[in-house]
């Protein structure tokens, strides 16, 4: 089993291992553009990964663990070891008025959310919408081509990479790693991020795992930017 404190960066291309080997995710900006999956909101750069975080399929984590730094690796994972088989019970019909209430005009291929579930519209007909709530990787063997570019060993760099994993960026954050705790000074943007309160829980869990501490402190700074006049 991989060391739960180990954190690496890697580049990757992820394909559906079908006849056409469609690329569905990557850290490579040019490859994303060529496959028409480019997202301008994403940062295309080597991705940080904390072993033991369960963010990747176990078979992929095992392959990353054993990979040599700088060496490209190709692995194919059968669907039963990835997202599993498709479940026909997760394909449902919903009245179109449910979508209209959310000011959504559904169409085939559209990603939608109903309650706490995420799915893709399959068809719209006769006032009803067929939605597939299966994981979109379900039923597919997956192919990964990846390269571990580095192992992050510096404590501050490791902590910032962990923040990046959940927050999407570590820009604006300051971190101090002490013997019995980790102190995170929040970026200014956290004050206006509605998702930040929830994101903290994941960051706390990962920091505890990475550094073996129980205490994680978050500091929020409010600075008017005004300097007080010095008294003579």
C-alpha atoms as a PDB file:
ATOM      1  CA  UNK A   1       0.000   0.000   0.000  1.00  0.00           C
ATOM      2  CA  UNK A   2       1.247   3.493  -0.821  1.00  0.00           C
ATOM      3  CA  UNK A   3       2.513   5.739   1.971  1.00  0.00           C
ATOM      4  CA  UNK A   4      -0.491   7.894   2.922  1.00  0.00           C
ATOM      5  CA  UNK A   5       1.840  10.874   3.336  1.00  0.00           C
ATOM      6  CA  UNK A   6       3.332  10.626  -0.149  1.00  0.00           C
ATOM      7  CA  UNK A   7       2.331  13.302  -2.625  1.00  0.00           C
ATOM      8  CA  UNK A   8       3.336  13.469  -6.279  1.00  0.00           C
ATOM      9  CA  UNK A   9       2.616  15.467  -9.410  1.00  0.00           C
ATOM     10  CA  UNK A  10       1.774  13.790 -12.680  1.00  0.00           C
ATOM     11  CA  UNK A  11       0.658  14.520 -16.206  1.00  0.00           C
ATOM     12  CA  UNK A  12      -1.903  12.247 -17.794  1.00  0.00           C
ATOM     13  CA  UNK A  13      -4.238  11.493 -20.675  1.00  0.00           C
ATOM     14  CA  UNK A  14      -7.346   9.439 -19.893  1.00  0.00           C
ATOM     15  CA  UNK A  15      -9.204   7.563 -22.630  1.00  0.00           C
ATOM     16  CA  UNK A  16     -12.270   5.386 -22.950  1.00  0.00           C
ATOM     17  CA  UNK A  17     -10.656   2.129 -24.066  1.00  0.00           C
ATOM     18  CA  UNK A  18     -13.158   1.642 -26.887  1.00  0.00           C
ATOM     19  CA  UNK A  19     -12.490   1.286 -30.605  1.00  0.00           C
ATOM     20  CA  UNK A  20     -12.001   5.039 -31.073  1.00  0.00           C
ATOM     21  CA  UNK A  21     -10.137   5.555 -27.740  1.00  0.00           C
ATOM     22  CA  UNK A  22     -11.862   8.871 -27.028  1.00  0.00           C
ATOM     23  CA  UNK A  23      -9.894  11.213 -24.777  1.00  0.00           C
ATOM     24  CA  UNK A  24     -12.116  12.375 -21.911  1.00  0.00           C
ATOM     25  CA  UNK A  25      -9.679  14.013 -19.481  1.00  0.00           C
ATOM     26  CA  UNK A  26      -6.116  15.318 -19.550  1.00  0.00           C
ATOM     27  CA  UNK A  27      -3.609  17.731 -18.059  1.00  0.00           C
ATOM     28  CA  UNK A  28      -2.390  18.567 -21.588  1.00  0.00           C
ATOM     29  CA  UNK A  29      -3.982  21.765 -22.919  1.00  0.00           C
ATOM     30  CA  UNK A  30      -3.193  21.092 -26.582  1.00  0.00           C
ATOM     31  CA  UNK A  31      -4.530  17.535 -26.361  1.00  0.00           C
ATOM     32  CA  UNK A  32      -7.730  18.851 -24.761  1.00  0.00           C
ATOM     33  CA  UNK A  33      -8.218  21.338 -27.586  1.00  0.00           C
ATOM     34  CA  UNK A  34      -7.575  18.688 -30.237  1.00  0.00           C
ATOM     35  CA  UNK A  35     -10.181  16.398 -28.633  1.00  0.00           C
ATOM     36  CA  UNK A  36     -12.712  19.238 -28.245  1.00  0.00           C
ATOM     37  CA  UNK A  37     -12.833  18.846 -24.465  1.00  0.00           C
ATOM     38  CA  UNK A  38     -10.958  22.061 -23.623  1.00  0.00           C
ATOM     39  CA  UNK A  39     -12.366  23.948 -20.628  1.00  0.00           C
ATOM     40  CA  UNK A  40     -11.171  27.521 -20.229  1.00  0.00           C
ATOM     41  CA  UNK A  41     -11.974  27.388 -16.504  1.00  0.00           C
ATOM     42  CA  UNK A  42      -9.455  24.597 -15.960  1.00  0.00           C
ATOM     43  CA  UNK A  43      -5.743  24.979 -15.337  1.00  0.00           C
ATOM     44  CA  UNK A  44      -3.776  22.581 -17.524  1.00  0.00           C
ATOM     45  CA  UNK A  45      -0.663  21.616 -15.552  1.00  0.00           C
ATOM     46  CA  UNK A  46       0.745  18.576 -13.741  1.00  0.00           C
ATOM     47  CA  UNK A  47      -1.813  17.407 -11.166  1.00  0.00           C
ATOM     48  CA  UNK A  48      -0.986  16.858  -7.511  1.00  0.00           C
ATOM     49  CA  UNK A  49      -2.080  13.558  -5.980  1.00  0.00           C
ATOM     50  CA  UNK A  50      -2.019  12.493  -2.326  1.00  0.00           C
ATOM     51  CA  UNK A  51      -1.782   8.724  -1.871  1.00  0.00           C
ATOM     52  CA  UNK A  52      -4.560   7.319   0.266  1.00  0.00           C
ATOM     53  CA  UNK A  53      -6.998  10.113  -0.628  1.00  0.00           C
ATOM     54  CA  UNK A  54      -9.104   7.661  -2.687  1.00  0.00           C
ATOM     55  CA  UNK A  55      -9.549  10.262  -5.423  1.00  0.00           C
ATOM     56  CA  UNK A  56      -8.415   7.791  -8.099  1.00  0.00           C
ATOM     57  CA  UNK A  57      -9.365   4.215  -8.924  1.00  0.00           C
ATOM     58  CA  UNK A  58      -7.265   1.830  -6.754  1.00  0.00           C
ATOM     59  CA  UNK A  59      -5.711   0.155  -9.809  1.00  0.00           C
ATOM     60  CA  UNK A  60      -4.553   3.531 -11.105  1.00  0.00           C
ATOM     61  CA  UNK A  61      -3.149   4.560  -7.728  1.00  0.00           C
ATOM     62  CA  UNK A  62      -1.188   1.302  -7.552  1.00  0.00           C
ATOM     63  CA  UNK A  63       0.289   1.955 -11.004  1.00  0.00           C
ATOM     64  CA  UNK A  64       1.257   5.507 -10.027  1.00  0.00           C
ATOM     65  CA  UNK A  65       2.853   4.243  -6.813  1.00  0.00           C
ATOM     66  CA  UNK A  66       5.157   1.875  -8.683  1.00  0.00           C
ATOM     67  CA  UNK A  67       6.006   4.271 -11.539  1.00  0.00           C
ATOM     68  CA  UNK A  68       9.469   5.750 -11.964  1.00  0.00           C
ATOM     69  CA  UNK A  69       9.681   9.532 -11.952  1.00  0.00           C
ATOM     70  CA  UNK A  70       9.930  10.855 -15.496  1.00  0.00           C
ATOM     71  CA  UNK A  71       8.946   7.571 -17.180  1.00  0.00           C
ATOM     72  CA  UNK A  72       5.722   7.389 -19.226  1.00  0.00           C
ATOM     73  CA  UNK A  73       3.393   4.551 -18.227  1.00  0.00           C
ATOM     74  CA  UNK A  74       0.340   3.154 -20.036  1.00  0.00           C
ATOM     75  CA  UNK A  75      -2.291   1.161 -18.156  1.00  0.00           C
ATOM     76  CA  UNK A  76      -5.711  -0.219 -19.119  1.00  0.00           C
ATOM     77  CA  UNK A  77      -8.262  -0.747 -16.334  1.00  0.00           C
ATOM     78  CA  UNK A  78     -11.279  -3.028 -16.939  1.00  0.00           C
ATOM     79  CA  UNK A  79     -14.644  -1.459 -16.138  1.00  0.00           C
ATOM     80  CA  UNK A  80     -15.198  -3.695 -13.102  1.00  0.00           C
ATOM     81  CA  UNK A  81     -12.082  -2.150 -11.507  1.00  0.00           C
ATOM     82  CA  UNK A  82     -13.045   1.360 -12.604  1.00  0.00           C
ATOM     83  CA  UNK A  83     -16.578   2.820 -12.535  1.00  0.00           C
ATOM     84  CA  UNK A  84     -18.295  -0.557 -12.808  1.00  0.00           C
ATOM     85  CA  UNK A  85     -21.084  -1.720 -15.087  1.00  0.00           C
ATOM     86  CA  UNK A  86     -23.959   0.501 -16.152  1.00  0.00           C
ATOM     87  CA  UNK A  87     -27.133   0.193 -14.073  1.00  0.00           C
ATOM     88  CA  UNK A  88     -30.327   0.461 -16.163  1.00  0.00           C
ATOM     89  CA  UNK A  89     -32.250   1.451 -13.017  1.00  0.00           C
ATOM     90  CA  UNK A  90     -30.328   4.733 -13.001  1.00  0.00           C
ATOM     91  CA  UNK A  91     -31.938   5.777 -16.288  1.00  0.00           C
ATOM     92  CA  UNK A  92     -35.075   7.672 -15.265  1.00  0.00           C
ATOM     93  CA  UNK A  93     -37.952   9.655 -16.752  1.00  0.00           C
ATOM     94  CA  UNK A  94     -38.768  13.039 -15.197  1.00  0.00           C
ATOM     95  CA  UNK A  95     -41.505  15.571 -16.029  1.00  0.00           C
ATOM     96  CA  UNK A  96     -40.094  18.446 -18.041  1.00  0.00           C
ATOM     97  CA  UNK A  97     -41.710  20.872 -15.585  1.00  0.00           C
ATOM     98  CA  UNK A  98     -39.068  19.854 -13.008  1.00  0.00           C
ATOM     99  CA  UNK A  99     -36.490  21.436 -15.285  1.00  0.00           C
ATOM    100  CA  UNK A 100     -38.605  24.468 -16.135  1.00  0.00           C
ATOM    101  CA  UNK A 101     -38.858  25.208 -12.396  1.00  0.00           C
ATOM    102  CA  UNK A 102     -35.072  25.572 -12.439  1.00  0.00           C
ATOM    103  CA  UNK A 103     -35.246  27.674 -15.623  1.00  0.00           C
ATOM    104  CA  UNK A 104     -33.580  24.840 -17.536  1.00  0.00           C
ATOM    105  CA  UNK A 105     -34.526  23.980 -21.106  1.00  0.00           C
ATOM    106  CA  UNK A 106     -33.178  20.408 -21.363  1.00  0.00           C
ATOM    107  CA  UNK A 107     -31.696  18.911 -24.513  1.00  0.00           C
ATOM    108  CA  UNK A 108     -29.913  15.607 -25.296  1.00  0.00           C
ATOM    109  CA  UNK A 109     -26.360  15.559 -23.971  1.00  0.00           C
ATOM    110  CA  UNK A 110     -26.984  18.299 -21.409  1.00  0.00           C
ATOM    111  CA  UNK A 111     -25.479  17.771 -17.936  1.00  0.00           C
ATOM    112  CA  UNK A 112     -28.135  18.359 -15.270  1.00  0.00           C
ATOM    113  CA  UNK A 113     -28.595  18.176 -11.501  1.00  0.00           C
ATOM    114  CA  UNK A 114     -31.749  16.953  -9.792  1.00  0.00           C
ATOM    115  CA  UNK A 115     -31.574  17.070  -6.033  1.00  0.00           C
ATOM    116  CA  UNK A 116     -28.086  15.927  -5.119  1.00  0.00           C
ATOM    117  CA  UNK A 117     -27.718  13.750  -8.213  1.00  0.00           C
ATOM    118  CA  UNK A 118     -25.936  14.556 -11.450  1.00  0.00           C
ATOM    119  CA  UNK A 119     -26.848  13.076 -14.801  1.00  0.00           C
ATOM    120  CA  UNK A 120     -26.973  13.569 -18.553  1.00  0.00           C
ATOM    121  CA  UNK A 121     -30.127  14.114 -20.609  1.00  0.00           C
ATOM    122  CA  UNK A 122     -30.663  11.270 -23.086  1.00  0.00           C
ATOM    123  CA  UNK A 123     -33.880  12.445 -24.755  1.00  0.00           C
ATOM    124  CA  UNK A 124     -36.765  14.912 -24.473  1.00  0.00           C
ATOM    125  CA  UNK A 125     -40.212  13.854 -25.714  1.00  0.00           C
ATOM    126  CA  UNK A 126     -43.906  14.155 -24.821  1.00  0.00           C
ATOM    127  CA  UNK A 127     -43.236  16.389 -21.850  1.00  0.00           C
ATOM    128  CA  UNK A 128     -40.807  13.948 -20.279  1.00  0.00           C
ATOM    129  CA  UNK A 129     -37.042  13.937 -20.008  1.00  0.00           C
ATOM    130  CA  UNK A 130     -34.966  10.757 -19.923  1.00  0.00           C
ATOM    131  CA  UNK A 131     -31.908  11.241 -17.703  1.00  0.00           C
ATOM    132  CA  UNK A 132     -28.967   8.882 -17.244  1.00  0.00           C
ATOM    133  CA  UNK A 133     -27.660   9.087 -13.671  1.00  0.00           C
ATOM    134  CA  UNK A 134     -24.944   6.482 -14.232  1.00  0.00           C
ATOM    135  CA  UNK A 135     -21.356   7.543 -13.784  1.00  0.00           C
ATOM    136  CA  UNK A 136     -20.405   8.534 -17.322  1.00  0.00           C
ATOM    137  CA  UNK A 137     -17.421   6.165 -17.140  1.00  0.00           C
ATOM    138  CA  UNK A 138     -19.601   3.200 -16.161  1.00  0.00           C
ATOM    139  CA  UNK A 139     -19.463   0.288 -18.579  1.00  0.00           C
ATOM    140  CA  UNK A 140     -16.155   1.395 -20.082  1.00  0.00           C
ATOM    141  CA  UNK A 141     -12.650   0.017 -19.811  1.00  0.00           C
ATOM    142  CA  UNK A 142     -10.295   2.945 -19.269  1.00  0.00           C
ATOM    143  CA  UNK A 143      -6.831   3.654 -20.605  1.00  0.00           C
ATOM    144  CA  UNK A 144      -4.402   6.017 -18.876  1.00  0.00           C
ATOM    145  CA  UNK A 145      -1.118   7.331 -20.185  1.00  0.00           C
ATOM    146  CA  UNK A 146       0.687   9.137 -17.368  1.00  0.00           C
ATOM    147  CA  UNK A 147       4.065  10.375 -16.198  1.00  0.00           C
ATOM    148  CA  UNK A 148       4.952  11.088 -12.578  1.00  0.00           C
ATOM    149  CA  UNK A 149       6.914  14.331 -12.851  1.00  0.00           C
ATOM    150  CA  UNK A 150       8.002  14.736  -9.215  1.00  0.00           C
ATOM    151  CA  UNK A 151       7.497  13.713  -5.619  1.00  0.00           C
ATOM    152  CA  UNK A 152       6.739  16.711  -3.415  1.00  0.00           C
ATOM    153  CA  UNK A 153       8.753  16.494  -0.196  1.00  0.00           C
ATOM    154  CA  UNK A 154       8.977  20.099   1.043  1.00  0.00           C
ATOM    155  CA  UNK A 155       6.355  20.566   3.779  1.00  0.00           C
ATOM    156  CA  UNK A 156       5.064  23.962   2.652  1.00  0.00           C
ATOM    157  CA  UNK A 157       4.932  22.902  -0.997  1.00  0.00           C
ATOM    158  CA  UNK A 158       3.118  19.721   0.041  1.00  0.00           C
ATOM    159  CA  UNK A 159       0.532  21.629   2.099  1.00  0.00           C
ATOM    160  CA  UNK A 160      -0.105  24.085  -0.727  1.00  0.00           C
ATOM    161  CA  UNK A 161      -0.505  21.231  -3.195  1.00  0.00           C
ATOM    162  CA  UNK A 162      -3.117  19.679  -0.894  1.00  0.00           C
ATOM    163  CA  UNK A 163      -5.033  22.970  -0.839  1.00  0.00           C
ATOM    164  CA  UNK A 164      -4.790  23.089  -4.629  1.00  0.00           C
ATOM    165  CA  UNK A 165      -6.326  19.612  -4.887  1.00  0.00           C
ATOM    166  CA  UNK A 166      -9.616  20.814  -3.398  1.00  0.00           C
ATOM    167  CA  UNK A 167      -9.626  24.582  -3.929  1.00  0.00           C
ATOM    168  CA  UNK A 168      -8.268  24.437  -7.477  1.00  0.00           C
ATOM    169  CA  UNK A 169      -5.413  26.797  -6.633  1.00  0.00           C
ATOM    170  CA  UNK A 170      -3.103  27.623  -3.739  1.00  0.00           C
ATOM    171  CA  UNK A 171      -2.531  31.181  -4.916  1.00  0.00           C
ATOM    172  CA  UNK A 172      -2.941  33.689  -2.087  1.00  0.00           C
ATOM    173  CA  UNK A 173      -2.691  31.077   0.682  1.00  0.00           C
ATOM    174  CA  UNK A 174       0.073  31.055   3.279  1.00  0.00           C
ATOM    175  CA  UNK A 175       0.992  27.906   5.187  1.00  0.00           C
ATOM    176  CA  UNK A 176       3.028  27.102   8.293  1.00  0.00           C
ATOM    177  CA  UNK A 177       3.730  23.455   9.125  1.00  0.00           C
ATOM    178  CA  UNK A 178       4.620  22.952  12.780  1.00  0.00           C
ATOM    179  CA  UNK A 179       5.373  19.850  14.827  1.00  0.00           C
ATOM    180  CA  UNK A 180       1.824  19.453  16.128  1.00  0.00           C
ATOM    181  CA  UNK A 181      -0.324  21.477  13.729  1.00  0.00           C
ATOM    182  CA  UNK A 182      -0.711  23.069  10.317  1.00  0.00           C
ATOM    183  CA  UNK A 183      -1.750  26.728  10.085  1.00  0.00           C
ATOM    184  CA  UNK A 184      -3.399  27.945   6.878  1.00  0.00           C
ATOM    185  CA  UNK A 185      -3.865  31.656   6.244  1.00  0.00           C
ATOM    186  CA  UNK A 186      -6.759  31.872   3.826  1.00  0.00           C
ATOM    187  CA  UNK A 187      -6.564  33.641   0.485  1.00  0.00           C
ATOM    188  CA  UNK A 188      -8.656  36.784   0.084  1.00  0.00           C
ATOM    189  CA  UNK A 189     -10.907  34.971  -2.398  1.00  0.00           C
ATOM    190  CA  UNK A 190     -12.105  32.570   0.319  1.00  0.00           C
ATOM    191  CA  UNK A 191     -14.226  35.350   1.820  1.00  0.00           C
ATOM    192  CA  UNK A 192     -16.405  35.355  -1.278  1.00  0.00           C
ATOM    193  CA  UNK A 193     -16.374  31.633  -2.137  1.00  0.00           C
ATOM    194  CA  UNK A 194     -19.650  29.960  -1.138  1.00  0.00           C
ATOM    195  CA  UNK A 195     -18.038  26.527  -1.455  1.00  0.00           C
ATOM    196  CA  UNK A 196     -15.088  27.284   0.793  1.00  0.00           C
ATOM    197  CA  UNK A 197     -16.761  26.237   4.066  1.00  0.00           C
ATOM    198  CA  UNK A 198     -17.342  22.739   2.664  1.00  0.00           C
ATOM    199  CA  UNK A 199     -13.931  22.557   0.963  1.00  0.00           C
ATOM    200  CA  UNK A 200     -12.208  23.077   4.312  1.00  0.00           C
ATOM    201  CA  UNK A 201     -13.371  19.693   5.594  1.00  0.00           C
ATOM    202  CA  UNK A 202     -11.611  17.858   2.758  1.00  0.00           C
ATOM    203  CA  UNK A 203      -8.472  19.977   3.145  1.00  0.00           C
ATOM    204  CA  UNK A 204      -8.369  19.285   6.895  1.00  0.00           C
ATOM    205  CA  UNK A 205      -8.656  15.526   6.318  1.00  0.00           C
ATOM    206  CA  UNK A 206      -5.879  15.546   3.712  1.00  0.00           C
ATOM    207  CA  UNK A 207      -3.549  17.735   5.809  1.00  0.00           C
ATOM    208  CA  UNK A 208      -4.027  15.436   8.798  1.00  0.00           C
ATOM    209  CA  UNK A 209      -3.249  12.412   6.645  1.00  0.00           C
ATOM    210  CA  UNK A 210      -0.190  13.999   5.054  1.00  0.00           C
ATOM    211  CA  UNK A 211       1.427  15.368   8.212  1.00  0.00           C
ATOM    212  CA  UNK A 212       0.091  13.120  10.976  1.00  0.00           C
ATOM    213  CA  UNK A 213      -1.287  16.048  12.986  1.00  0.00           C
ATOM    214  CA  UNK A 214      -4.662  16.404  14.680  1.00  0.00           C
ATOM    215  CA  UNK A 215      -4.862  20.189  14.711  1.00  0.00           C
ATOM    216  CA  UNK A 216      -5.369  22.335  11.604  1.00  0.00           C
ATOM    217  CA  UNK A 217      -5.960  26.065  12.032  1.00  0.00           C
ATOM    218  CA  UNK A 218      -7.433  28.456   9.478  1.00  0.00           C
ATOM    219  CA  UNK A 219      -6.694  32.159   9.752  1.00  0.00           C
ATOM    220  CA  UNK A 220      -8.793  34.768   7.973  1.00  0.00           C
ATOM    221  CA  UNK A 221      -7.210  38.204   7.683  1.00  0.00           C
ATOM    222  CA  UNK A 222      -9.202  41.411   7.303  1.00  0.00           C
ATOM    223  CA  UNK A 223      -6.880  44.282   6.474  1.00  0.00           C
ATOM    224  CA  UNK A 224      -8.173  47.753   5.621  1.00  0.00           C
ATOM    225  CA  UNK A 225      -4.850  48.576   4.038  1.00  0.00           C
ATOM    226  CA  UNK A 226      -4.528  51.720   6.109  1.00  0.00           C
ATOM    227  CA  UNK A 227      -1.402  52.403   8.082  1.00  0.00           C
ATOM    228  CA  UNK A 228      -1.691  54.009  11.493  1.00  0.00           C
ATOM    229  CA  UNK A 229       0.263  57.209  12.027  1.00  0.00           C
ATOM    230  CA  UNK A 230       3.280  56.674  14.197  1.00  0.00           C
ATOM    231  CA  UNK A 231       3.277  58.594  17.447  1.00  0.00           C
ATOM    232  CA  UNK A 232       6.311  60.675  18.179  1.00  0.00           C
END
